[in-house]
Amino acid sequence: MGHTDTSIKAAAQMALLVDYFVELRASSPNGGRRSPTRSIENTAPLNVDTLSHIRASVREIKEYVDVESPGTVEPLPKDDAAVYDWCVRNTDWDDEALTRRRDALMYRQYLEHTILTGDAKIVRRHRCPGCGTLSLHWRRSAGSAVCRNRNCRTPDGLASTWTLAHLATAYITDQESRQRRAT
């Protein structure tokens, strides 16, 4: 019970979104961060698109917990980043398939948060589910990862593309396999 690696990653990226993209920008997201400085003259008080993304992410986690663990009596935390730990505490099962689905949801959100902060290179760390190479690149216009391996094509001859949900599921499944082999 408690934290999982996936919930910690998702919470950290959510906190970055809140600190840097919802509050006013005070420094670069990758550089030294300091407390945001509010200045009505220079910028808007928040990034509405990012706030909408955060609200949608929290709502999706809450709906997931409501469906998978309907008897949950613990209230949703006020801190948006704490929603992932809340999800883990309220869905701590022995069922591997349910845990895998929960972790894939949180990892997909982690990828979304990371891409939203401007680090689309996160998809390059994942192997292409079609050919197994490290040749994925983010295609912002399509909202999906595309494999740049010329041998990895659809039956129509187009480059293979993958949703973040598919990459997340493949990543979580791979992590489970590695843990089983290590023990």
Protein backbone atom coordinates (compact mmCIF):
# COMPACT_ATOMS: atom_id res chain seq x y z
CA MET A 1 0.00 0.00 0.00
CA GLY A 2 1.14 3.61 -0.42
CA HIS A 3 3.19 5.12 -3.19
CA THR A 4 4.10 3.44 -6.44
CA ASP A 5 6.85 4.65 -8.73
CA THR A 6 4.19 5.65 -11.25
CA SER A 7 2.16 7.66 -8.73
CA ILE A 8 5.29 9.51 -7.59
CA LYS A 9 6.23 10.43 -11.18
CA ALA A 10 2.70 11.57 -12.02
CA ALA A 11 2.43 13.61 -8.82
CA ALA A 12 5.79 15.31 -9.45
CA GLN A 13 4.77 16.30 -12.98
CA MET A 14 1.36 17.50 -11.73
CA ALA A 15 3.13 19.63 -9.09
CA LEU A 16 5.36 21.08 -11.81
CA LEU A 17 2.30 21.97 -13.86
CA VAL A 18 0.70 23.69 -10.88
CA ASP A 19 3.87 25.48 -9.76
CA TYR A 20 5.16 26.58 -13.10
CA PHE A 21 2.32 26.62 -15.61
CA VAL A 22 -0.75 27.48 -13.56
CA GLU A 23 0.99 29.93 -11.27
CA LEU A 24 2.99 32.62 -12.98
CA ARG A 25 6.29 31.64 -14.55
CA ALA A 26 9.21 32.70 -12.41
CA SER A 27 11.95 30.63 -14.05
CA SER A 28 12.40 27.88 -16.58
CA PRO A 29 10.76 24.53 -15.79
CA ASN A 30 14.08 22.72 -16.10
CA GLY A 31 16.26 25.34 -14.43
CA GLY A 32 16.38 26.65 -10.92
CA ARG A 33 12.84 27.09 -9.68
CA ARG A 34 11.82 29.73 -7.23
CA SER A 35 8.43 30.78 -5.94
CA PRO A 36 6.27 32.32 -8.66
CA THR A 37 5.97 36.08 -8.54
CA ARG A 38 2.52 37.50 -9.15
CA SER A 39 2.46 40.53 -11.40
CA ILE A 40 -0.83 41.53 -12.98
CA GLU A 41 0.89 44.00 -15.32
CA ASN A 42 3.20 41.45 -16.94
CA THR A 43 1.12 38.26 -17.35
CA ALA A 44 -2.22 36.65 -16.77
CA PRO A 45 -2.68 35.09 -13.31
CA LEU A 46 -2.75 31.55 -14.69
CA ASN A 47 -2.61 29.41 -17.77
CA VAL A 48 -6.23 28.40 -18.37
CA ASP A 49 -5.39 25.53 -20.75
CA THR A 50 -3.07 23.97 -18.18
CA LEU A 51 -5.62 24.44 -15.43
CA SER A 52 -8.23 22.70 -17.60
CA HIS A 53 -5.79 19.83 -18.20
CA ILE A 54 -5.15 19.49 -14.46
CA ARG A 55 -8.87 19.50 -13.66
CA ALA A 56 -9.54 16.88 -16.36
CA SER A 57 -6.72 14.70 -14.99
CA VAL A 58 -8.02 14.90 -11.43
CA ARG A 59 -11.58 14.21 -12.62
CA GLU A 60 -10.39 11.15 -14.58
CA ILE A 61 -8.60 9.74 -11.52
CA LYS A 62 -11.64 10.40 -9.32
CA GLU A 63 -13.99 8.73 -11.82
CA TYR A 64 -11.63 5.75 -12.04
CA VAL A 65 -11.61 5.34 -8.24
CA ASP A 66 -15.41 5.78 -8.10
CA VAL A 67 -15.87 2.93 -10.61
CA GLU A 68 -13.17 0.56 -9.37
CA SER A 69 -13.59 1.16 -5.65
CA PRO A 70 -17.16 2.40 -5.12
CA GLY A 71 -17.01 2.10 -1.33
CA THR A 72 -14.30 4.76 -1.01
CA VAL A 73 -15.03 7.05 1.89
CA GLU A 74 -11.76 8.96 1.91
CA PRO A 75 -12.38 12.42 0.41
CA LEU A 76 -10.49 13.66 -2.63
CA PRO A 77 -7.43 15.66 -1.51
CA LYS A 78 -7.38 19.42 -2.08
CA ASP A 79 -3.81 19.27 -3.41
CA ASP A 80 -4.04 18.20 -7.05
CA ALA A 81 -0.70 16.38 -6.99
CA ALA A 82 -1.85 14.29 -3.99
CA VAL A 83 -4.62 12.70 -6.08
CA TYR A 84 -2.26 9.96 -7.27
CA ASP A 85 -1.34 8.79 -3.77
CA TRP A 86 -5.05 9.00 -2.89
CA CYS A 87 -5.81 6.76 -5.89
CA VAL A 88 -3.21 4.19 -4.83
CA ARG A 89 -4.48 4.13 -1.22
CA ASN A 90 -8.06 3.63 -2.37
CA THR A 91 -7.33 1.01 -5.01
CA ASP A 92 -4.74 -1.19 -3.30
CA TRP A 93 -5.66 -4.62 -4.68
CA ASP A 94 -4.09 -8.02 -4.95
CA ASP A 95 -5.45 -8.28 -8.51
CA GLU A 96 -2.55 -7.71 -10.92
CA ALA A 97 -4.79 -6.75 -13.86
CA LEU A 98 -6.54 -4.00 -11.89
CA THR A 99 -3.25 -2.69 -10.52
CA ARG A 100 -1.76 -2.71 -14.03
CA ARG A 101 -4.72 -0.74 -15.39
CA ARG A 102 -4.44 1.82 -12.57
CA ASP A 103 -0.70 2.22 -13.03
CA ALA A 104 -1.10 2.58 -16.82
CA LEU A 105 -3.66 5.35 -16.26
CA MET A 106 -1.29 7.22 -13.94
CA TYR A 107 1.69 6.68 -16.25
CA ARG A 108 -0.28 7.95 -19.26
CA GLN A 109 -1.12 11.07 -17.27
CA TYR A 110 2.55 11.41 -16.34
CA LEU A 111 3.43 11.35 -20.05
CA GLU A 112 0.71 13.92 -20.80
CA HIS A 113 1.94 16.22 -18.02
CA THR A 114 5.54 15.89 -19.22
CA ILE A 115 4.63 16.70 -22.83
CA LEU A 116 2.53 19.65 -21.66
CA THR A 117 5.57 21.07 -19.84
CA GLY A 118 7.41 21.07 -23.16
CA ASP A 119 9.41 17.85 -22.84
CA ALA A 120 8.04 15.86 -25.78
CA LYS A 121 11.30 13.91 -25.89
CA ILE A 122 9.87 11.73 -23.10
CA VAL A 123 8.40 9.43 -25.77
CA ARG A 124 11.90 8.76 -27.15
CA ARG A 125 12.69 6.79 -23.98
CA HIS A 126 10.08 4.21 -24.92
CA ARG A 127 10.54 1.36 -27.32
CA CYS A 128 8.20 1.22 -30.28
CA PRO A 129 5.57 -1.46 -29.53
CA GLY A 130 5.68 -2.49 -33.19
CA CYS A 131 9.39 -2.97 -33.85
CA GLY A 132 11.04 -2.68 -30.44
CA THR A 133 13.46 0.09 -31.45
CA LEU A 134 14.03 3.41 -29.70
CA SER A 135 12.72 5.35 -32.69
CA LEU A 136 9.60 7.05 -31.35
CA HIS A 137 9.04 10.78 -31.73
CA TRP A 138 6.12 12.90 -30.59
CA ARG A 139 3.87 14.24 -33.33
CA ARG A 140 2.07 17.14 -31.69
CA SER A 141 -0.35 17.68 -34.56
CA ALA A 142 -1.62 14.10 -34.31
CA GLY A 143 -1.31 13.82 -30.53
CA SER A 144 0.54 10.53 -30.85
CA ALA A 145 4.01 9.01 -31.04
CA VAL A 146 5.27 8.03 -34.47
CA CYS A 147 7.93 5.42 -35.19
CA ARG A 148 10.67 6.72 -37.47
CA ASN A 149 11.98 3.24 -38.31
CA ARG A 150 11.41 2.79 -42.05
CA ASN A 151 10.69 -0.91 -41.53
CA CYS A 152 7.92 -0.26 -38.98
CA ARG A 153 4.87 0.46 -41.11
CA THR A 154 1.14 -0.13 -41.08
CA PRO A 155 -0.34 -2.46 -43.73
CA ASP A 156 -1.12 0.71 -45.74
CA GLY A 157 2.58 1.65 -45.77
CA LEU A 158 2.25 4.54 -43.31
CA ALA A 159 4.51 5.07 -40.31
CA SER A 160 3.27 3.31 -37.18
CA THR A 161 1.72 5.62 -34.61
CA TRP A 162 0.97 4.95 -30.95
CA THR A 163 -1.23 6.66 -28.40
CA LEU A 164 0.11 7.60 -24.99
CA ALA A 165 -2.32 5.08 -23.50
CA HIS A 166 -0.75 2.30 -25.58
CA LEU A 167 2.78 3.39 -24.63
CA ALA A 168 1.79 3.54 -20.95
CA THR A 169 0.29 0.05 -21.00
CA ALA A 170 3.37 -1.34 -22.75
CA TYR A 171 5.66 0.43 -20.27
CA ILE A 172 3.82 -0.88 -17.18
CA THR A 173 3.69 -4.42 -18.60
CA ASP A 174 7.43 -4.27 -19.35
CA GLN A 175 8.19 -3.02 -15.83
CA GLU A 176 6.22 -5.91 -14.33
CA SER A 177 8.10 -8.41 -16.49
CA ARG A 178 11.44 -6.96 -15.40
CA GLN A 179 10.47 -7.12 -11.73
CA ARG A 180 9.40 -10.75 -12.06
CA ARG A 181 12.65 -11.69 -13.78
CA ALA A 182 14.71 -9.85 -11.14
CA THR A 183 13.22 -11.84 -8.28
